[in-house]
Amino acid sequence: MTLLSYTPAARVFWPELETCRSMPQTERELSVRVDLLEEENRYVLSAELPGVRPEDLKVSLEKGRLNLSGEKKDPLAESKAAALRSERRYGSFSRSFELNGLVDEARVEASFADGVLSLSLPKHESQKPRQVEIKIK
C-alpha cells in the first residue's frame, strides 16, 4: 500500500480530500465507480459495488436512461458492539447514464459477481458498423 502525505498542494490535485475530512460520515455520498468499454456490437459497463448484495441493487431502463441504485448496509448497525473506528461508507447510491438511442434496450443483460455489476448493452442496429458495397460502372 502506498501512503500519501497530505500537504496544502494536495488540495490542488485532490480537492475532495479537504471536503471529505471536514464532512461527517452521514453527509458523504457513496460513489459508484464505472468502466465503459465499446466493442464491435455492444458496450460493456462495469460498476464496482463492494459490499453490496444483489438484493439491495436495482438496475432499470427508463426513457433512454440507464439507472443504477441501491444501498450498502452497515453490518454494525444492528450490532451491540461499539465501533472503535469506522472508515468505510454505507448508505444509498445512484448513477444514471443517458443512452440516447445507442442501445437495443430489449436485449440488455446484467450479471453480478465478486462485487462487480456487469451490463452488456447491445448496440442498436443503427449504431453498428456496416459495410456498403458500391458498384462501379
C-alpha atoms as a PDB file:
ATOM      1  CA  MET A   1       0.000   0.000   0.000  1.00  0.00           C
ATOM      2  CA  THR A   2       1.280   3.460  -0.882  1.00  0.00           C
ATOM      3  CA  LEU A   3       0.807   6.185   1.687  1.00  0.00           C
ATOM      4  CA  LEU A   4       0.447   9.770   0.542  1.00  0.00           C
ATOM      5  CA  SER A   5       1.329  12.713   2.702  1.00  0.00           C
ATOM      6  CA  TYR A   6      -1.314  15.390   2.988  1.00  0.00           C
ATOM      7  CA  THR A   7       0.079  18.787   2.029  1.00  0.00           C
ATOM      8  CA  PRO A   8      -1.653  22.026   1.021  1.00  0.00           C
ATOM      9  CA  ALA A   9      -0.587  21.284  -2.580  1.00  0.00           C
ATOM     10  CA  ALA A  10      -2.579  18.039  -2.459  1.00  0.00           C
ATOM     11  CA  ARG A  11      -5.752  20.137  -2.402  1.00  0.00           C
ATOM     12  CA  VAL A  12      -4.961  21.310  -5.932  1.00  0.00           C
ATOM     13  CA  PHE A  13      -4.911  17.761  -7.276  1.00  0.00           C
ATOM     14  CA  TRP A  14      -7.400  16.135  -4.912  1.00  0.00           C
ATOM     15  CA  PRO A  15      -9.769  18.855  -3.662  1.00  0.00           C
ATOM     16  CA  GLU A  16     -12.173  16.222  -2.360  1.00  0.00           C
ATOM     17  CA  LEU A  17      -9.653  15.311   0.353  1.00  0.00           C
ATOM     18  CA  GLU A  18     -10.352  18.529   2.227  1.00  0.00           C
ATOM     19  CA  THR A  19     -14.098  18.144   1.740  1.00  0.00           C
ATOM     20  CA  CYS A  20     -14.124  14.549   2.983  1.00  0.00           C
ATOM     21  CA  ARG A  21     -12.022  15.386   6.022  1.00  0.00           C
ATOM     22  CA  SER A  22     -14.443  18.041   7.172  1.00  0.00           C
ATOM     23  CA  MET A  23     -17.735  16.268   6.453  1.00  0.00           C
ATOM     24  CA  PRO A  24     -19.470  13.985   8.940  1.00  0.00           C
ATOM     25  CA  GLN A  25     -19.975  10.402   7.722  1.00  0.00           C
ATOM     26  CA  THR A  26     -23.724  10.849   7.193  1.00  0.00           C
ATOM     27  CA  GLU A  27     -23.178  13.644   4.640  1.00  0.00           C
ATOM     28  CA  ARG A  28     -20.671  11.803   2.479  1.00  0.00           C
ATOM     29  CA  GLU A  29     -22.192  10.396  -0.660  1.00  0.00           C
ATOM     30  CA  LEU A  30     -21.367   6.893  -1.798  1.00  0.00           C
ATOM     31  CA  SER A  31     -19.865   6.890  -5.242  1.00  0.00           C
ATOM     32  CA  VAL A  32     -20.121   4.167  -7.836  1.00  0.00           C
ATOM     33  CA  ARG A  33     -17.024   3.802  -9.997  1.00  0.00           C
ATOM     34  CA  VAL A  34     -17.648   2.531 -13.518  1.00  0.00           C
ATOM     35  CA  ASP A  35     -15.750   1.467 -16.610  1.00  0.00           C
ATOM     36  CA  LEU A  36     -17.406   1.714 -20.017  1.00  0.00           C
ATOM     37  CA  LEU A  37     -15.955  -0.258 -22.909  1.00  0.00           C
ATOM     38  CA  GLU A  38     -17.001  -0.259 -26.549  1.00  0.00           C
ATOM     39  CA  GLU A  39     -16.863  -3.481 -28.525  1.00  0.00           C
ATOM     40  CA  GLU A  40     -17.952  -4.009 -32.119  1.00  0.00           C
ATOM     41  CA  ASN A  41     -21.566  -4.963 -31.312  1.00  0.00           C
ATOM     42  CA  ARG A  42     -22.045  -3.794 -27.736  1.00  0.00           C
ATOM     43  CA  TYR A  43     -20.989  -1.566 -24.884  1.00  0.00           C
ATOM     44  CA  VAL A  44     -19.943  -3.129 -21.573  1.00  0.00           C
ATOM     45  CA  LEU A  45     -20.471  -1.172 -18.368  1.00  0.00           C
ATOM     46  CA  SER A  46     -18.838  -2.490 -15.188  1.00  0.00           C
ATOM     47  CA  ALA A  47     -19.593  -0.919 -11.822  1.00  0.00           C
ATOM     48  CA  GLU A  48     -17.657  -1.546  -8.614  1.00  0.00           C
ATOM     49  CA  LEU A  49     -20.084  -2.223  -5.782  1.00  0.00           C
ATOM     50  CA  PRO A  50     -18.077  -3.871  -2.980  1.00  0.00           C
ATOM     51  CA  GLY A  51     -20.173  -4.932  -0.020  1.00  0.00           C
ATOM     52  CA  VAL A  52     -23.478  -4.507  -1.865  1.00  0.00           C
ATOM     53  CA  ARG A  53     -25.746  -7.546  -2.008  1.00  0.00           C
ATOM     54  CA  PRO A  54     -27.614  -8.282  -5.259  1.00  0.00           C
ATOM     55  CA  GLU A  55     -30.969  -7.929  -3.480  1.00  0.00           C
ATOM     56  CA  ASP A  56     -30.002  -4.374  -2.451  1.00  0.00           C
ATOM     57  CA  LEU A  57     -29.287  -3.339  -6.045  1.00  0.00           C
ATOM     58  CA  LYS A  58     -31.717  -2.010  -8.660  1.00  0.00           C
ATOM     59  CA  VAL A  59     -30.965  -1.616 -12.364  1.00  0.00           C
ATOM     60  CA  SER A  60     -33.590  -0.114 -14.661  1.00  0.00           C
ATOM     61  CA  LEU A  61     -34.038   1.410 -18.100  1.00  0.00           C
ATOM     62  CA  GLU A  62     -36.498   4.243 -18.371  1.00  0.00           C
ATOM     63  CA  LYS A  63     -36.990   6.585 -21.332  1.00  0.00           C
ATOM     64  CA  GLY A  64     -33.487   6.014 -22.684  1.00  0.00           C
ATOM     65  CA  ARG A  65     -31.810   6.388 -19.283  1.00  0.00           C
ATOM     66  CA  LEU A  66     -29.969   3.575 -17.517  1.00  0.00           C
ATOM     67  CA  ASN A  67     -30.364   3.859 -13.739  1.00  0.00           C
ATOM     68  CA  LEU A  68     -28.247   2.095 -11.112  1.00  0.00           C
ATOM     69  CA  SER A  69     -29.282   2.479  -7.493  1.00  0.00           C
ATOM     70  CA  GLY A  70     -29.042   0.612  -4.252  1.00  0.00           C
ATOM     71  CA  GLU A  71     -27.853   0.598  -0.711  1.00  0.00           C
ATOM     72  CA  LYS A  72     -24.744  -0.586   1.056  1.00  0.00           C
ATOM     73  CA  LYS A  73     -25.921  -1.583   4.511  1.00  0.00           C
ATOM     74  CA  ASP A  74     -23.816  -1.151   7.629  1.00  0.00           C
ATOM     75  CA  PRO A  75     -23.292  -4.597   9.175  1.00  0.00           C
ATOM     76  CA  LEU A  76     -22.634  -2.982  12.561  1.00  0.00           C
ATOM     77  CA  ALA A  77     -25.892  -1.019  12.594  1.00  0.00           C
ATOM     78  CA  GLU A  78     -27.734  -3.774  14.442  1.00  0.00           C
ATOM     79  CA  SER A  79     -24.734  -4.999  16.410  1.00  0.00           C
ATOM     80  CA  LYS A  80     -24.314  -4.376  20.099  1.00  0.00           C
ATOM     81  CA  ALA A  81     -20.568  -3.938  19.597  1.00  0.00           C
ATOM     82  CA  ALA A  82     -19.156  -0.426  19.759  1.00  0.00           C
ATOM     83  CA  ALA A  83     -17.067   0.552  16.771  1.00  0.00           C
ATOM     84  CA  LEU A  84     -13.693   1.927  17.803  1.00  0.00           C
ATOM     85  CA  ARG A  85     -13.040   3.199  14.289  1.00  0.00           C
ATOM     86  CA  SER A  86     -15.241   3.135  11.208  1.00  0.00           C
ATOM     87  CA  GLU A  87     -13.787   4.347   7.906  1.00  0.00           C
ATOM     88  CA  ARG A  88     -15.999   2.509   5.448  1.00  0.00           C
ATOM     89  CA  ARG A  89     -19.023   4.236   3.944  1.00  0.00           C
ATOM     90  CA  TYR A  90     -22.592   2.985   3.992  1.00  0.00           C
ATOM     91  CA  GLY A  91     -25.855   4.274   2.636  1.00  0.00           C
ATOM     92  CA  SER A  92     -27.696   4.774  -0.629  1.00  0.00           C
ATOM     93  CA  PHE A  93     -26.205   5.466  -4.027  1.00  0.00           C
ATOM     94  CA  SER A  94     -27.383   6.101  -7.571  1.00  0.00           C
ATOM     95  CA  ARG A  95     -25.914   6.700 -11.021  1.00  0.00           C
ATOM     96  CA  SER A  96     -27.680   7.414 -14.304  1.00  0.00           C
ATOM     97  CA  PHE A  97     -26.477   7.241 -17.891  1.00  0.00           C
ATOM     98  CA  GLU A  98     -28.180   8.675 -20.968  1.00  0.00           C
ATOM     99  CA  LEU A  99     -28.198   6.045 -23.701  1.00  0.00           C
ATOM    100  CA  ASN A 100     -29.518   8.380 -26.416  1.00  0.00           C
ATOM    101  CA  GLY A 101     -30.808   5.580 -28.638  1.00  0.00           C
ATOM    102  CA  LEU A 102     -27.403   3.896 -28.857  1.00  0.00           C
ATOM    103  CA  VAL A 103     -28.540   0.679 -27.184  1.00  0.00           C
ATOM    104  CA  ASP A 104     -31.093  -2.014 -28.023  1.00  0.00           C
ATOM    105  CA  GLU A 105     -32.884  -1.758 -24.680  1.00  0.00           C
ATOM    106  CA  ALA A 106     -34.790  -5.050 -25.115  1.00  0.00           C
ATOM    107  CA  ARG A 107     -31.544  -7.055 -25.140  1.00  0.00           C
ATOM    108  CA  VAL A 108     -29.662  -5.549 -22.180  1.00  0.00           C
ATOM    109  CA  GLU A 109     -28.268  -8.195 -19.816  1.00  0.00           C
ATOM    110  CA  ALA A 110     -26.775  -7.889 -16.332  1.00  0.00           C
ATOM    111  CA  SER A 111     -24.650 -10.089 -14.090  1.00  0.00           C
ATOM    112  CA  PHE A 112     -23.261  -9.535 -10.607  1.00  0.00           C
ATOM    113  CA  ALA A 113     -20.219 -11.330  -9.188  1.00  0.00           C
ATOM    114  CA  ASP A 114     -17.496 -10.504  -6.665  1.00  0.00           C
ATOM    115  CA  GLY A 115     -18.842  -7.004  -6.040  1.00  0.00           C
ATOM    116  CA  VAL A 116     -18.869  -6.039  -9.717  1.00  0.00           C
ATOM    117  CA  LEU A 117     -22.025  -5.381 -11.713  1.00  0.00           C
ATOM    118  CA  SER A 118     -21.526  -6.029 -15.442  1.00  0.00           C
ATOM    119  CA  LEU A 119     -24.016  -4.828 -18.020  1.00  0.00           C
ATOM    120  CA  SER A 120     -23.987  -5.926 -21.635  1.00  0.00           C
ATOM    121  CA  LEU A 121     -25.555  -3.146 -23.678  1.00  0.00           C
ATOM    122  CA  PRO A 122     -26.040  -4.363 -27.283  1.00  0.00           C
ATOM    123  CA  LYS A 123     -25.723  -1.605 -29.843  1.00  0.00           C
ATOM    124  CA  HIS A 124     -28.844  -0.551 -31.683  1.00  0.00           C
ATOM    125  CA  GLU A 125     -28.738  -1.680 -35.321  1.00  0.00           C
ATOM    126  CA  SER A 126     -28.296   1.917 -36.478  1.00  0.00           C
ATOM    127  CA  GLN A 127     -25.103   2.166 -34.377  1.00  0.00           C
ATOM    128  CA  LYS A 128     -23.399  -0.999 -35.594  1.00  0.00           C
ATOM    129  CA  PRO A 129     -20.658  -0.602 -38.146  1.00  0.00           C
ATOM    130  CA  ARG A 130     -21.753  -1.744 -41.559  1.00  0.00           C
ATOM    131  CA  GLN A 131     -20.161  -2.100 -44.914  1.00  0.00           C
ATOM    132  CA  VAL A 132     -21.876  -0.856 -48.038  1.00  0.00           C
ATOM    133  CA  GLU A 133     -20.669  -2.160 -51.354  1.00  0.00           C
ATOM    134  CA  ILE A 134     -20.630   0.444 -54.091  1.00  0.00           C
ATOM    135  CA  LYS A 135     -20.941  -0.808 -57.631  1.00  0.00           C
ATOM    136  CA  ILE A 136     -18.533   0.641 -60.136  1.00  0.00           C
ATOM    137  CA  LYS A 137     -19.996   1.499 -63.534  1.00  0.00           C
END
